[in-house]
Protein backbone atom coordinates (compact mmCIF):
# COMPACT_ATOMS: atom_id res chain seq x y z
CA UNK A 1 -0.03 -0.01 0.01
CA UNK A 2 1.13 3.55 -0.75
CA UNK A 3 -1.58 5.76 0.73
CA UNK A 4 -0.82 9.34 1.85
CA UNK A 5 -2.74 8.82 5.15
CA UNK A 6 -5.22 6.43 6.81
CA UNK A 7 -8.18 8.38 5.46
CA UNK A 8 -7.29 7.61 1.85
CA UNK A 9 -7.21 3.92 2.68
CA UNK A 10 -10.55 4.18 4.53
CA UNK A 11 -12.15 5.96 1.57
CA UNK A 12 -10.92 3.28 -0.84
CA UNK A 13 -12.21 0.55 1.50
CA UNK A 14 -15.60 2.26 1.83
CA UNK A 15 -15.98 2.66 -1.91
CA UNK A 16 -15.00 -0.97 -2.47
CA UNK A 17 -17.97 -1.96 -0.33
CA UNK A 18 -20.27 0.38 -2.23
CA UNK A 19 -21.03 2.35 0.94
CA UNK A 20 -21.83 6.02 1.32
CA UNK A 21 -20.37 8.08 4.20
CA UNK A 22 -23.85 8.13 5.69
CA UNK A 23 -24.05 4.33 5.61
CA UNK A 24 -20.62 3.86 7.15
CA UNK A 25 -21.30 6.45 9.86
CA UNK A 26 -24.67 4.99 10.85
CA UNK A 27 -24.80 4.12 14.57
CA UNK A 28 -21.16 4.88 15.21
CA UNK A 29 -20.45 8.52 14.37
CA UNK A 30 -21.43 11.36 12.00
CA UNK A 31 -20.91 11.46 8.25
CA UNK A 32 -18.90 14.65 8.87
CA UNK A 33 -16.41 12.68 11.00
CA UNK A 34 -15.96 10.13 8.23
CA UNK A 35 -15.42 12.95 5.77
CA UNK A 36 -12.74 14.56 7.98
CA UNK A 37 -10.98 11.24 8.47
CA UNK A 38 -10.93 10.58 4.76
CA UNK A 39 -9.51 14.08 4.12
CA UNK A 40 -6.73 13.48 6.67
CA UNK A 41 -7.74 16.27 9.05
CA UNK A 42 -9.02 13.98 11.83
CA UNK A 43 -7.46 10.96 13.55
CA UNK A 44 -10.10 8.40 14.60
CA UNK A 45 -10.09 7.25 18.22
CA UNK A 46 -9.42 3.60 19.02
CA UNK A 47 -13.05 3.19 19.84
CA UNK A 48 -14.07 4.47 16.42
CA UNK A 49 -11.41 2.20 14.79
CA UNK A 50 -13.01 -0.73 16.59
CA UNK A 51 -16.53 0.20 15.48
CA UNK A 52 -15.36 0.60 11.85
CA UNK A 53 -13.63 -2.80 12.12
CA UNK A 54 -16.89 -4.39 13.17
CA UNK A 55 -18.77 -2.69 10.29
CA UNK A 56 -16.19 -3.85 7.74
CA UNK A 57 -15.69 -7.25 9.41
CA UNK A 58 -11.91 -6.77 9.44
CA UNK A 59 -9.37 -5.53 11.94
CA UNK A 60 -8.36 -1.97 10.92
CA UNK A 61 -5.97 -1.43 13.88
CA UNK A 62 -2.81 -2.54 12.09
CA UNK A 63 -3.68 -0.48 9.01
CA UNK A 64 -4.27 2.52 11.17
CA UNK A 65 -0.99 2.11 13.09
CA UNK A 66 0.94 2.31 9.78
CA UNK A 67 -0.08 5.90 9.50
CA UNK A 68 -0.59 7.03 13.13
CA UNK A 69 2.78 5.75 14.40
CA UNK A 70 6.23 6.06 12.82
CA UNK A 71 7.21 2.37 12.94
CA UNK A 72 10.80 3.11 11.89
CA UNK A 73 13.82 1.87 13.85
CA UNK A 74 14.35 5.36 15.25
CA UNK A 75 10.62 5.64 16.13
CA UNK A 76 10.51 2.32 17.92
CA UNK A 77 13.82 2.94 19.76
CA UNK A 78 12.64 6.40 20.80
CA UNK A 79 9.30 5.13 22.18
CA UNK A 80 11.10 2.35 24.12
CA UNK A 81 13.63 4.77 25.54
CA UNK A 82 10.98 7.26 26.66
CA UNK A 83 8.94 4.50 28.21
CA UNK A 84 11.94 3.05 29.97
CA UNK A 85 12.88 6.42 31.43
CA UNK A 86 9.33 6.92 32.68
CA UNK A 87 9.24 3.46 34.12
CA UNK A 88 12.46 4.20 36.08
CA UNK A 89 10.84 7.43 37.36
CA UNK A 90 14.14 9.26 36.55
CA UNK A 91 13.04 12.75 35.59
CA UNK A 92 16.47 13.87 34.33
CA UNK A 93 16.71 10.87 32.00
CA UNK A 94 13.14 11.57 30.80
CA UNK A 95 14.15 15.14 29.96
CA UNK A 96 17.40 14.18 28.15
CA UNK A 97 15.54 11.44 26.23
CA UNK A 98 12.74 13.88 25.14
CA UNK A 99 15.40 16.41 24.08
CA UNK A 100 17.14 13.70 22.01
CA UNK A 101 14.05 12.56 20.07
CA UNK A 102 11.77 15.59 19.76
CA UNK A 103 13.83 17.04 16.88
CA UNK A 104 13.53 13.88 14.79
CA UNK A 105 11.06 13.82 11.91
CA UNK A 106 9.65 10.51 13.20
CA UNK A 107 8.38 12.39 16.31
CA UNK A 108 6.46 15.16 14.57
CA UNK A 109 3.05 13.43 14.56
CA UNK A 110 0.79 10.72 15.94
CA UNK A 111 1.53 8.51 18.87
CA UNK A 112 5.28 9.37 18.80
CA UNK A 113 4.50 13.05 19.23
CA UNK A 114 2.14 12.14 22.03
CA UNK A 115 5.04 10.62 23.93
CA UNK A 116 7.03 13.83 23.47
CA UNK A 117 4.21 15.85 24.89
CA UNK A 118 3.74 13.45 27.76
CA UNK A 119 7.41 13.54 28.68
CA UNK A 120 7.38 17.36 28.51
CA UNK A 121 4.28 17.42 30.72
CA UNK A 122 6.05 15.32 33.32
CA UNK A 123 9.16 17.48 33.24
CA UNK A 124 7.21 20.71 33.49
CA UNK A 125 5.28 19.37 36.52
CA UNK A 126 8.17 17.71 38.38
CA UNK A 127 11.21 19.82 37.58
CA UNK A 128 9.57 23.25 37.19
CA UNK A 129 6.41 22.86 39.28
CA UNK A 130 4.72 24.54 36.33
CA UNK A 131 1.40 22.77 36.30
CA UNK A 132 -0.26 25.02 33.84
CA UNK A 133 2.41 24.33 31.19
CA UNK A 134 2.22 20.65 32.03
CA UNK A 135 -1.55 20.76 31.43
CA UNK A 136 -1.01 22.51 28.11
CA UNK A 137 1.26 19.69 26.93
CA UNK A 138 -1.33 17.14 28.15
CA UNK A 139 -4.11 18.75 26.22
CA UNK A 140 -1.95 18.95 23.06
CA UNK A 141 -1.11 15.25 23.46
CA UNK A 142 -4.63 14.00 24.06
CA UNK A 143 -6.05 16.03 21.18
CA UNK A 144 -3.74 14.27 18.73
CA UNK A 145 -5.97 11.21 19.02
CA UNK A 146 -9.15 12.91 20.10
CA UNK A 147 -9.36 16.45 18.55
CA UNK A 148 -12.71 17.22 20.19
CA UNK A 149 -11.46 16.43 23.70
CA UNK A 150 -12.69 18.63 26.47
CA UNK A 151 -13.51 18.23 30.14
CA UNK A 152 -17.14 17.37 29.38
CA UNK A 153 -16.61 14.44 26.97
CA UNK A 154 -13.75 12.52 28.55
CA UNK A 155 -15.58 9.22 28.79
CA UNK A 156 -17.07 9.32 25.30
CA UNK A 157 -14.27 7.39 23.61
CA UNK A 158 -11.46 4.87 23.95
CA UNK A 159 -7.87 5.97 24.31
CA UNK A 160 -4.45 4.48 23.46
CA UNK A 161 -2.07 3.59 26.29
CA UNK A 162 -0.29 6.89 25.97
CA UNK A 163 -3.63 8.70 25.89
CA UNK A 164 -4.64 7.02 29.16
CA UNK A 165 -1.28 8.03 30.71
CA UNK A 166 -1.88 11.60 29.62
CA UNK A 167 -5.35 11.60 31.14
CA UNK A 168 -3.95 10.42 34.46
CA UNK A 169 -1.29 13.21 34.25
CA UNK A 170 -4.04 15.81 33.71
CA UNK A 171 -5.74 14.64 36.86
CA UNK A 172 -2.52 14.82 38.92
CA UNK A 173 -1.86 18.40 37.65
CA UNK A 174 -5.27 19.53 38.78
CA UNK A 175 -4.67 17.97 42.23
CA UNK A 176 -1.30 19.72 42.44
CA UNK A 177 -3.12 22.98 41.63
CA UNK A 178 -5.58 22.23 44.44
CA UNK A 179 -8.44 21.87 41.94
CA UNK A 180 -9.82 18.84 43.58
CA UNK A 181 -13.14 18.70 41.72
CA UNK A 182 -11.50 18.79 38.31
CA UNK A 183 -8.93 16.18 39.31
CA UNK A 184 -11.58 13.84 40.63
CA UNK A 185 -13.75 14.35 37.49
CA UNK A 186 -10.84 13.28 35.22
CA UNK A 187 -10.03 10.27 37.39
CA UNK A 188 -13.56 9.03 37.72
CA UNK A 189 -14.25 9.44 33.99
CA UNK A 190 -10.92 7.70 33.26
CA UNK A 191 -12.18 4.80 35.44
CA UNK A 192 -15.38 4.75 33.39
CA UNK A 193 -13.33 4.56 30.19
CA UNK A 194 -11.18 1.73 31.48
CA UNK A 195 -14.14 -0.24 32.78
CA UNK A 196 -16.31 0.25 29.63
CA UNK A 197 -13.70 -0.19 26.94
CA UNK A 198 -10.83 -2.25 28.51
CA UNK A 199 -11.43 -4.02 31.78
CA UNK A 200 -14.93 -5.29 30.90
CA UNK A 201 -14.60 -4.94 27.09
CA UNK A 202 -16.65 -7.47 25.03
CA UNK A 203 -14.17 -7.12 22.18
CA UNK A 204 -11.10 -9.41 22.04
CA UNK A 205 -9.12 -6.50 20.48
CA UNK A 206 -9.28 -4.62 23.80
CA UNK A 207 -8.75 -7.25 26.43
CA UNK A 208 -6.88 -5.70 29.40
CA UNK A 209 -3.13 -5.63 28.91
CA UNK A 210 -0.64 -5.52 31.73
CA UNK A 211 -0.43 -1.77 31.25
CA UNK A 212 -4.26 -1.36 31.45
CA UNK A 213 -4.34 -3.51 34.63
CA UNK A 214 -1.65 -1.41 36.31
CA UNK A 215 -3.19 1.95 35.38
CA UNK A 216 -6.62 0.77 36.50
CA UNK A 217 -5.22 -0.33 39.91
CA UNK A 218 -3.35 3.01 40.12
CA UNK A 219 -6.39 5.14 39.29
CA UNK A 220 -8.53 3.23 41.91
CA UNK A 221 -5.81 3.88 44.48
CA UNK A 222 -5.51 7.62 43.59
CA UNK A 223 -9.28 8.12 43.71
CA UNK A 224 -9.39 6.47 47.20
CA UNK A 225 -6.49 8.65 48.42
CA UNK A 226 -8.24 11.88 47.40
CA UNK A 227 -11.57 10.82 48.78
CA UNK A 228 -9.88 9.79 52.10
CA UNK A 229 -8.08 13.19 52.29
CA UNK A 230 -11.36 14.97 51.90
CA UNK A 231 -13.11 12.92 54.58
CA UNK A 232 -15.19 10.63 52.28
CA UNK A 233 -14.09 7.54 54.21
CA UNK A 234 -16.86 5.16 53.16
CA UNK A 235 -16.61 6.00 49.45
CA UNK A 236 -12.83 5.71 49.66
CA UNK A 237 -13.20 2.24 51.05
CA UNK A 238 -15.42 1.24 48.10
CA UNK A 239 -12.66 2.10 45.61
CA UNK A 240 -9.94 0.50 47.76
CA UNK A 241 -11.80 -2.78 47.99
CA UNK A 242 -12.51 -2.80 44.25
CA UNK A 243 -8.78 -2.26 43.63
CA UNK A 244 -7.78 -5.10 46.05
CA UNK A 245 -10.36 -7.50 44.52
CA UNK A 246 -9.18 -6.69 40.94
CA UNK A 247 -5.44 -7.08 41.88
CA UNK A 248 -6.05 -10.52 43.32
CA UNK A 249 -8.28 -11.53 40.41
CA UNK A 250 -5.63 -10.74 37.72
CA UNK A 251 -2.63 -11.76 39.94
CA UNK A 252 -1.09 -8.27 39.48
CA UNK A 253 0.36 -6.90 42.74
CA UNK A 254 1.90 -3.74 41.37
CA UNK A 255 -0.31 -1.45 43.44
CA UNK A 256 -1.63 -4.00 45.94
CA UNK A 257 0.72 -2.86 48.79
CA UNK A 258 -0.51 0.69 48.49
CA UNK A 259 -4.16 -0.43 48.34
CA UNK A 260 -3.72 -2.59 51.41
CA UNK A 261 -2.10 0.23 53.28
CA UNK A 262 -4.92 2.58 52.34
CA UNK A 263 -7.43 0.07 53.69
CA UNK A 264 -5.36 0.00 56.92
CA UNK A 265 -5.58 3.78 57.17
CA UNK A 266 -9.33 3.74 56.61
CA UNK A 267 -9.85 1.02 59.22
CA UNK A 268 -7.67 3.03 61.69
CA UNK A 269 -9.75 6.11 61.05
CA UNK A 270 -12.87 4.08 61.81
CA UNK A 271 -11.16 2.97 65.05
CA UNK A 272 -11.18 -0.66 64.04
CA UNK A 273 -7.68 -1.02 65.53
CA UNK A 274 -7.43 -4.84 65.63
CA UNK A 275 -8.42 -5.22 61.96
CA UNK A 276 -6.29 -2.24 61.06
CA UNK A 277 -3.26 -3.96 62.62
CA UNK A 278 -3.95 -7.00 60.44
CA UNK A 279 -3.93 -4.91 57.31
CA UNK A 280 -0.84 -3.02 58.45
CA UNK A 281 1.05 -6.32 58.72
CA UNK A 282 -0.17 -7.42 55.28
CA UNK A 283 1.05 -4.11 53.79
CA UNK A 284 4.44 -4.51 55.39
CA UNK A 285 4.86 -7.99 53.97
CA UNK A 286 3.77 -6.90 50.53
CA UNK A 287 6.21 -4.01 50.49
CA UNK A 288 8.96 -6.57 51.31
CA UNK A 289 7.78 -8.97 48.57
CA UNK A 290 7.79 -6.17 46.00
CA UNK A 291 11.23 -4.91 46.96
CA UNK A 292 10.13 -1.54 48.28
CA UNK A 293 12.39 -1.50 51.28
CA UNK A 294 13.05 2.24 51.17
CA UNK A 295 9.38 3.06 51.21
CA UNK A 296 8.80 0.46 53.92
CA UNK A 297 11.25 2.07 56.34
CA UNK A 298 9.54 5.46 55.92
CA UNK A 299 6.16 3.87 56.28
CA UNK A 300 7.12 2.03 59.64
CA UNK A 301 8.57 5.25 61.14
CA UNK A 302 5.47 7.22 60.23
CA UNK A 303 3.12 4.48 61.48
CA UNK A 304 4.55 4.56 65.00
CA UNK A 305 3.90 8.27 65.23
CA UNK A 306 0.60 8.60 63.41
CA UNK A 307 -1.07 5.26 64.20
CA UNK A 308 0.04 4.39 67.76
CA UNK A 309 -3.04 2.36 68.71
CA UNK A 310 -2.02 -0.62 66.49
CA UNK A 311 1.20 -1.03 68.47
CA UNK A 312 -0.46 -1.40 71.83
CA UNK A 313 0.06 -4.75 73.49
CA UNK A 314 -3.52 -6.07 73.07
CA UNK A 315 -3.19 -5.91 69.26
CA UNK A 316 0.26 -7.55 69.01
C-alpha cells in the first residue's frame, strides 16, 4: 500500500464496499467525522477504529498504526527509551531522552508526538512545578488522538495507552493545583473509560493488557486517596476494595501494597484497630515482597507516630 494517510485507505475501502459516508457512519459517528478522516484532518479514536472494524468485518488497527505511528527503527527505539525512562521514574533521564528525540522527523506526529508531549508534561510538573504548562502539553497530546477532547466528553471514547497516561497526568496536575473537583472528574471518568472499553470490554481486541491492569489499579488507588483526604471515608473504602479485589483476580500486585495500606488507614480512622493492625502487617509483607524497602522504612517510622493504637500490646 502507498496511501498518503489512513483516510485515503478508509475511503478506498468504503468505496470498494459500495457504501456512502452516511451508511458507514450510521450508529457509530457522524458522516462529517468520516469525511474529515478521509480528508486526513481527523485521527479516529481507538473506539471508532473498533466500530469501523466491526462494520467492515476486518481488523483496521494494524492499518491505522501504519499511519498514526512512525514504525521506523528510530521511532521504535525512541518510544522504548522514553517509556523506559518513565518506568524508572528518573526525571532527568526523561528530559534528556525527550530532548534527543523531539527534533527527529519521526516524532512530529501521531503516537510518537504524544510521547514527546507526555514527557514534557512530566518534566514541567516535576522539575519546574509549572502545572499550567504541564496541562497545556497534556491537552496537546490528548487532542492528537481525540481532537474534540474537552472536560465534558472525557468518557465518550477509547484511548491509546499513551492517551490513558496523559489523562492520568491531567488529573494529577489539577490535584497539584488544588483543583480537587477537576482532578476527581478526570480520574472518575478515566475509570469509566477503562471499565467500559478495556477491563470489561466485550471485544477481544481490547482485552486488558498488563499496562491497562496497572493503570486501573493506580487510578482506583488515587481516587481512594483523594476521597480519604477529603473525609469521604466510606466512598474511599469502596474504591480500595474494588482495587484489592481486581489485583487478586488478575494476579497483579503492582499497586496492591498501596491499596492494602490505604485500607489500613481507613480502618484505623474508623477505630477498628485490631483489623487495622492485620492490614498493616499485610502491607508491610507486601512491600517486602515487591522490593520497596526504602518506602517500607519510611512507612514504619510514620506509622509509630501517626497510628500508635495498633502497636499497643492487646493488638500484638
